């Protein structure tokens, strides 16, 4: 019967992961887009009625009340 061995590899604790800048910008854009679609009530955008009407049905379909 052969003995089961596991490969020995060194793991470093606290190793840094490089995240590309474009992915962080894309995340910020996605979060802002989600905010505008789900929560914007005129605080950031001055032309609120156009934004409200654009996302009105989508909000109700997702279960978010808007009025």
PDB file of N, CA and C in Angstrom:
ATOM      1  N   UNK A   1       0.848  -1.172   0.000  1.00  0.00           N
ATOM      2  CA  UNK A   1       0.000   0.000   0.000  1.00  0.00           C
ATOM      3  C   UNK A   1       0.899   1.242   0.000  1.00  0.00           C
ATOM      4  N   UNK A   2       0.620   2.180  -0.858  1.00  0.00           N
ATOM      5  CA  UNK A   2       1.426   3.387  -0.977  1.00  0.00           C
ATOM      6  C   UNK A   2       0.985   4.424   0.059  1.00  0.00           C
ATOM      7  N   UNK A   3       1.937   5.152   0.560  1.00  0.00           N
ATOM      8  CA  UNK A   3       1.637   6.205   1.539  1.00  0.00           C
ATOM      9  C   UNK A   3       1.122   7.450   0.816  1.00  0.00           C
ATOM     10  N   UNK A   4       0.138   8.096   1.412  1.00  0.00           N
ATOM     11  CA  UNK A   4      -0.430   9.326   0.845  1.00  0.00           C
ATOM     12  C   UNK A   4       0.377  10.501   1.372  1.00  0.00           C
ATOM     13  N   UNK A   5       0.904  11.270   0.461  1.00  0.00           N
ATOM     14  CA  UNK A   5       1.682  12.448   0.858  1.00  0.00           C
ATOM     15  C   UNK A   5       1.052  13.681   0.238  1.00  0.00           C
ATOM     16  N   UNK A   6       1.214  14.782   0.910  1.00  0.00           N
ATOM     17  CA  UNK A   6       0.714  16.046   0.383  1.00  0.00           C
ATOM     18  C   UNK A   6       1.901  16.905  -0.007  1.00  0.00           C
ATOM     19  N   UNK A   7       1.764  17.658  -1.075  1.00  0.00           N
ATOM     20  CA  UNK A   7       2.879  18.517  -1.482  1.00  0.00           C
ATOM     21  C   UNK A   7       3.106  19.616  -0.444  1.00  0.00           C
ATOM     22  N   UNK A   8       4.342  19.921  -0.224  1.00  0.00           N
ATOM     23  CA  UNK A   8       4.661  20.973   0.742  1.00  0.00           C
ATOM     24  C   UNK A   8       4.945  22.258  -0.016  1.00  0.00           C
ATOM     25  N   UNK A   9       4.116  23.247   0.236  1.00  0.00           N
ATOM     26  CA  UNK A   9       4.326  24.569  -0.352  1.00  0.00           C
ATOM     27  C   UNK A   9       4.233  25.587   0.763  1.00  0.00           C
ATOM     28  N   UNK A  10       5.052  26.588   0.671  1.00  0.00           N
ATOM     29  CA  UNK A  10       5.029  27.631   1.686  1.00  0.00           C
ATOM     30  C   UNK A  10       3.948  28.639   1.351  1.00  0.00           C
ATOM     31  N   UNK A  11       3.192  29.001   2.341  1.00  0.00           N
ATOM     32  CA  UNK A  11       2.189  30.043   2.163  1.00  0.00           C
ATOM     33  C   UNK A  11       2.592  31.223   3.021  1.00  0.00           C
ATOM     34  N   UNK A  12       2.467  32.391   2.448  1.00  0.00           N
ATOM     35  CA  UNK A  12       2.812  33.595   3.191  1.00  0.00           C
ATOM     36  C   UNK A  12       1.533  34.250   3.669  1.00  0.00           C
ATOM     37  N   UNK A  13       1.538  34.622   4.909  1.00  0.00           N
ATOM     38  CA  UNK A  13       0.381  35.276   5.498  1.00  0.00           C
ATOM     39  C   UNK A  13       0.484  36.768   5.237  1.00  0.00           C
ATOM     40  N   UNK A  14      -0.632  37.364   4.827  1.00  0.00           N
ATOM     41  CA  UNK A  14      -0.642  38.802   4.589  1.00  0.00           C
ATOM     42  C   UNK A  14      -0.095  39.206   3.243  1.00  0.00           C
ATOM     43  N   UNK A  15      -0.118  38.302   2.286  1.00  0.00           N
ATOM     44  CA  UNK A  15       0.381  38.626   0.954  1.00  0.00           C
ATOM     45  C   UNK A  15      -0.572  39.608   0.284  1.00  0.00           C
ATOM     46  N   UNK A  16      -0.041  40.628  -0.340  1.00  0.00           N
ATOM     47  CA  UNK A  16      -0.848  41.664  -0.969  1.00  0.00           C
ATOM     48  C   UNK A  16      -1.367  41.197  -2.327  1.00  0.00           C
ATOM     49  N   UNK A  17      -2.592  41.579  -2.621  1.00  0.00           N
ATOM     50  CA  UNK A  17      -3.198  41.279  -3.909  1.00  0.00           C
ATOM     51  C   UNK A  17      -3.337  42.585  -4.665  1.00  0.00           C
ATOM     52  N   UNK A  18      -2.831  42.621  -5.869  1.00  0.00           N
ATOM     53  CA  UNK A  18      -2.933  43.831  -6.681  1.00  0.00           C
ATOM     54  C   UNK A  18      -4.278  43.859  -7.396  1.00  0.00           C
ATOM     55  N   UNK A  19      -5.056  44.893  -7.126  1.00  0.00           N
ATOM     56  CA  UNK A  19      -6.353  45.080  -7.768  1.00  0.00           C
ATOM     57  C   UNK A  19      -6.190  46.189  -8.800  1.00  0.00           C
ATOM     58  N   UNK A  20      -6.586  45.942 -10.048  1.00  0.00           N
ATOM     59  CA  UNK A  20      -6.433  46.973 -11.085  1.00  0.00           C
ATOM     60  C   UNK A  20      -7.293  48.200 -10.780  1.00  0.00           C
ATOM     61  N   UNK A  21      -6.786  49.357 -11.126  1.00  0.00           N
ATOM     62  CA  UNK A  21      -7.494  50.608 -10.875  1.00  0.00           C
ATOM     63  C   UNK A  21      -8.821  50.646 -11.611  1.00  0.00           C
ATOM     64  N   UNK A  22      -8.870  50.108 -12.823  1.00  0.00           N
ATOM     65  CA  UNK A  22     -10.106  50.156 -13.598  1.00  0.00           C
ATOM     66  C   UNK A  22     -11.227  49.388 -12.905  1.00  0.00           C
ATOM     67  N   UNK A  23     -10.885  48.333 -12.163  1.00  0.00           N
ATOM     68  CA  UNK A  23     -11.933  47.566 -11.491  1.00  0.00           C
ATOM     69  C   UNK A  23     -12.518  48.358 -10.320  1.00  0.00           C
ATOM     70  N   UNK A  24     -11.699  49.139  -9.646  1.00  0.00           N
ATOM     71  CA  UNK A  24     -12.214  49.981  -8.567  1.00  0.00           C
ATOM     72  C   UNK A  24     -13.104  51.090  -9.121  1.00  0.00           C
ATOM     73  N   UNK A  25     -12.720  51.656 -10.254  1.00  0.00           N
ATOM     74  CA  UNK A  25     -13.556  52.675 -10.889  1.00  0.00           C
ATOM     75  C   UNK A  25     -14.875  52.084 -11.374  1.00  0.00           C
ATOM     76  N   UNK A  26     -14.830  50.884 -11.892  1.00  0.00           N
ATOM     77  CA  UNK A  26     -16.049  50.209 -12.332  1.00  0.00           C
ATOM     78  C   UNK A  26     -16.968  49.916 -11.148  1.00  0.00           C
ATOM     79  N   UNK A  27     -16.402  49.524 -10.024  1.00  0.00           N
ATOM     80  CA  UNK A  27     -17.182  49.286  -8.816  1.00  0.00           C
ATOM     81  C   UNK A  27     -17.844  50.572  -8.340  1.00  0.00           C
ATOM     82  N   UNK A  28     -17.107  51.684  -8.333  1.00  0.00           N
ATOM     83  CA  UNK A  28     -17.675  52.970  -7.925  1.00  0.00           C
ATOM     84  C   UNK A  28     -18.808  53.378  -8.855  1.00  0.00           C
ATOM     85  N   UNK A  29     -18.642  53.177 -10.146  1.00  0.00           N
ATOM     86  CA  UNK A  29     -19.691  53.509 -11.109  1.00  0.00           C
ATOM     87  C   UNK A  29     -20.929  52.636 -10.902  1.00  0.00           C
ATOM     88  N   UNK A  30     -20.732  51.363 -10.631  1.00  0.00           N
ATOM     89  CA  UNK A  30     -21.860  50.458 -10.388  1.00  0.00           C
ATOM     90  C   UNK A  30     -22.600  50.835  -9.111  1.00  0.00           C
ATOM     91  N   UNK A  31     -21.874  51.203  -8.061  1.00  0.00           N
ATOM     92  CA  UNK A  31     -22.525  51.622  -6.819  1.00  0.00           C
ATOM     93  C   UNK A  31     -23.309  52.917  -7.007  1.00  0.00           C
ATOM     94  N   UNK A  32     -22.747  53.875  -7.743  1.00  0.00           N
ATOM     95  CA  UNK A  32     -23.458  55.118  -8.005  1.00  0.00           C
ATOM     96  C   UNK A  32     -24.698  54.859  -8.859  1.00  0.00           C
ATOM     97  N   UNK A  33     -24.577  53.986  -9.863  1.00  0.00           N
ATOM     98  CA  UNK A  33     -25.738  53.654 -10.691  1.00  0.00           C
ATOM     99  C   UNK A  33     -26.831  52.976  -9.882  1.00  0.00           C
ATOM    100  N   UNK A  34     -26.448  52.106  -8.959  1.00  0.00           N
ATOM    101  CA  UNK A  34     -27.443  51.462  -8.093  1.00  0.00           C
ATOM    102  C   UNK A  34     -28.120  52.483  -7.190  1.00  0.00           C
ATOM    103  N   UNK A  35     -27.341  53.436  -6.677  1.00  0.00           N
ATOM    104  CA  UNK A  35     -27.918  54.483  -5.836  1.00  0.00           C
ATOM    105  C   UNK A  35     -28.942  55.304  -6.616  1.00  0.00           C
ATOM    106  N   UNK A  36     -28.575  55.705  -7.824  1.00  0.00           N
ATOM    107  CA  UNK A  36     -29.486  56.524  -8.629  1.00  0.00           C
ATOM    108  C   UNK A  36     -30.753  55.747  -8.944  1.00  0.00           C
ATOM    109  N   UNK A  37     -30.617  54.475  -9.270  1.00  0.00           N
ATOM    110  CA  UNK A  37     -31.793  53.692  -9.640  1.00  0.00           C
ATOM    111  C   UNK A  37     -32.691  53.401  -8.447  1.00  0.00           C
ATOM    112  N   UNK A  38     -32.123  53.157  -7.282  1.00  0.00           N
ATOM    113  CA  UNK A  38     -32.924  52.683  -6.154  1.00  0.00           C
ATOM    114  C   UNK A  38     -33.245  53.743  -5.107  1.00  0.00           C
ATOM    115  N   UNK A  39     -32.401  54.749  -4.917  1.00  0.00           N
ATOM    116  CA  UNK A  39     -32.590  55.642  -3.777  1.00  0.00           C
ATOM    117  C   UNK A  39     -32.658  57.126  -4.110  1.00  0.00           C
ATOM    118  N   UNK A  40     -32.293  57.537  -5.281  1.00  0.00           N
ATOM    119  CA  UNK A  40     -32.215  58.964  -5.593  1.00  0.00           C
ATOM    120  C   UNK A  40     -33.586  59.626  -5.473  1.00  0.00           C
ATOM    121  N   UNK A  41     -33.652  60.631  -4.613  1.00  0.00           N
ATOM    122  CA  UNK A  41     -34.898  61.379  -4.410  1.00  0.00           C
ATOM    123  C   UNK A  41     -34.709  62.874  -4.618  1.00  0.00           C
ATOM    124  N   UNK A  42     -33.774  63.255  -5.456  1.00  0.00           N
ATOM    125  CA  UNK A  42     -33.561  64.651  -5.762  1.00  0.00           C
ATOM    126  C   UNK A  42     -32.402  65.284  -5.017  1.00  0.00           C
ATOM    127  N   UNK A  43     -31.704  64.546  -4.172  1.00  0.00           N
ATOM    128  CA  UNK A  43     -30.597  65.111  -3.418  1.00  0.00           C
ATOM    129  C   UNK A  43     -29.384  65.374  -4.312  1.00  0.00           C
ATOM    130  N   UNK A  44     -29.087  64.455  -5.205  1.00  0.00           N
ATOM    131  CA  UNK A  44     -27.918  64.590  -6.073  1.00  0.00           C
ATOM    132  C   UNK A  44     -28.301  65.167  -7.433  1.00  0.00           C
ATOM    133  N   UNK A  45     -29.398  64.702  -7.983  1.00  0.00           N
ATOM    134  CA  UNK A  45     -29.821  65.136  -9.314  1.00  0.00           C
ATOM    135  C   UNK A  45     -30.897  66.203  -9.204  1.00  0.00           C
ATOM    136  N   UNK A  46     -30.720  67.313  -9.916  1.00  0.00           N
ATOM    137  CA  UNK A  46     -31.695  68.393  -9.833  1.00  0.00           C
ATOM    138  C   UNK A  46     -32.928  68.111 -10.690  1.00  0.00           C
ATOM    139  N   UNK A  47     -32.754  67.374 -11.790  1.00  0.00           N
ATOM    140  CA  UNK A  47     -33.892  67.059 -12.663  1.00  0.00           C
ATOM    141  C   UNK A  47     -34.459  65.703 -12.248  1.00  0.00           C
ATOM    142  N   UNK A  48     -35.044  65.651 -11.066  1.00  0.00           N
ATOM    143  CA  UNK A  48     -35.463  64.400 -10.462  1.00  0.00           C
ATOM    144  C   UNK A  48     -36.579  63.706 -11.229  1.00  0.00           C
ATOM    145  N   UNK A  49     -37.546  64.428 -11.756  1.00  0.00           N
ATOM    146  CA  UNK A  49     -38.701  63.777 -12.380  1.00  0.00           C
ATOM    147  C   UNK A  49     -38.297  62.933 -13.593  1.00  0.00           C
ATOM    148  N   UNK A  50     -37.308  63.377 -14.348  1.00  0.00           N
ATOM    149  CA  UNK A  50     -36.863  62.579 -15.495  1.00  0.00           C
ATOM    150  C   UNK A  50     -36.234  61.267 -15.018  1.00  0.00           C
ATOM    151  N   UNK A  51     -35.416  61.329 -13.972  1.00  0.00           N
ATOM    152  CA  UNK A  51     -34.794  60.120 -13.426  1.00  0.00           C
ATOM    153  C   UNK A  51     -35.859  59.226 -12.800  1.00  0.00           C
ATOM    154  N   UNK A  52     -36.792  59.826 -12.076  1.00  0.00           N
ATOM    155  CA  UNK A  52     -37.854  59.070 -11.416  1.00  0.00           C
ATOM    156  C   UNK A  52     -38.694  58.304 -12.435  1.00  0.00           C
ATOM    157  N   UNK A  53     -39.115  58.955 -13.475  1.00  0.00           N
ATOM    158  CA  UNK A  53     -39.940  58.298 -14.486  1.00  0.00           C
ATOM    159  C   UNK A  53     -39.159  57.226 -15.241  1.00  0.00           C
ATOM    160  N   UNK A  54     -37.863  57.447 -15.429  1.00  0.00           N
ATOM    161  CA  UNK A  54     -37.044  56.486 -16.151  1.00  0.00           C
ATOM    162  C   UNK A  54     -36.937  55.167 -15.391  1.00  0.00           C
ATOM    163  N   UNK A  55     -36.802  55.234 -14.064  1.00  0.00           N
ATOM    164  CA  UNK A  55     -36.613  54.037 -13.248  1.00  0.00           C
ATOM    165  C   UNK A  55     -37.863  53.605 -12.483  1.00  0.00           C
ATOM    166  N   UNK A  56     -38.984  54.276 -12.675  1.00  0.00           N
ATOM    167  CA  UNK A  56     -40.184  54.036 -11.870  1.00  0.00           C
ATOM    168  C   UNK A  56     -40.647  52.573 -11.898  1.00  0.00           C
ATOM    169  N   UNK A  57     -40.865  52.047 -13.070  1.00  0.00           N
ATOM    170  CA  UNK A  57     -41.369  50.673 -13.167  1.00  0.00           C
ATOM    171  C   UNK A  57     -40.343  49.646 -12.690  1.00  0.00           C
ATOM    172  N   UNK A  58     -39.071  49.912 -12.933  1.00  0.00           N
ATOM    173  CA  UNK A  58     -38.033  48.978 -12.493  1.00  0.00           C
ATOM    174  C   UNK A  58     -37.982  48.908 -10.973  1.00  0.00           C
ATOM    175  N   UNK A  59     -38.157  50.039 -10.318  1.00  0.00           N
ATOM    176  CA  UNK A  59     -38.159  50.032  -8.853  1.00  0.00           C
ATOM    177  C   UNK A  59     -39.290  49.173  -8.312  1.00  0.00           C
ATOM    178  N   UNK A  60     -40.480  49.369  -8.831  1.00  0.00           N
ATOM    179  CA  UNK A  60     -41.614  48.587  -8.355  1.00  0.00           C
ATOM    180  C   UNK A  60     -41.441  47.106  -8.669  1.00  0.00           C
ATOM    181  N   UNK A  61     -40.858  46.801  -9.821  1.00  0.00           N
ATOM    182  CA  UNK A  61     -40.641  45.404 -10.178  1.00  0.00           C
ATOM    183  C   UNK A  61     -39.633  44.744  -9.235  1.00  0.00           C
ATOM    184  N   UNK A  62     -38.654  45.517  -8.740  1.00  0.00           N
ATOM    185  CA  UNK A  62     -37.679  44.987  -7.809  1.00  0.00           C
ATOM    186  C   UNK A  62     -38.158  45.022  -6.359  1.00  0.00           C
ATOM    187  N   UNK A  63     -39.319  45.631  -6.110  1.00  0.00           N
ATOM    188  CA  UNK A  63     -39.863  45.666  -4.770  1.00  0.00           C
ATOM    189  C   UNK A  63     -39.469  46.880  -3.961  1.00  0.00           C
ATOM    190  N   UNK A  64     -38.884  47.900  -4.585  1.00  0.00           N
ATOM    191  CA  UNK A  64     -38.512  49.125  -3.885  1.00  0.00           C
ATOM    192  C   UNK A  64     -39.616  50.155  -4.042  1.00  0.00           C
ATOM    193  N   UNK A  65     -40.174  50.646  -2.949  1.00  0.00           N
ATOM    194  CA  UNK A  65     -41.165  51.708  -3.067  1.00  0.00           C
ATOM    195  C   UNK A  65     -40.483  53.030  -3.415  1.00  0.00           C
ATOM    196  N   UNK A  66     -41.146  53.836  -4.194  1.00  0.00           N
ATOM    197  CA  UNK A  66     -40.547  55.130  -4.540  1.00  0.00           C
ATOM    198  C   UNK A  66     -41.473  56.288  -4.179  1.00  0.00           C
ATOM    199  N   UNK A  67     -42.649  55.994  -3.696  1.00  0.00           N
ATOM    200  CA  UNK A  67     -43.536  57.086  -3.228  1.00  0.00           C
ATOM    201  C   UNK A  67     -44.514  56.545  -2.235  1.00  0.00           C
TER     202      UNK A  67
END
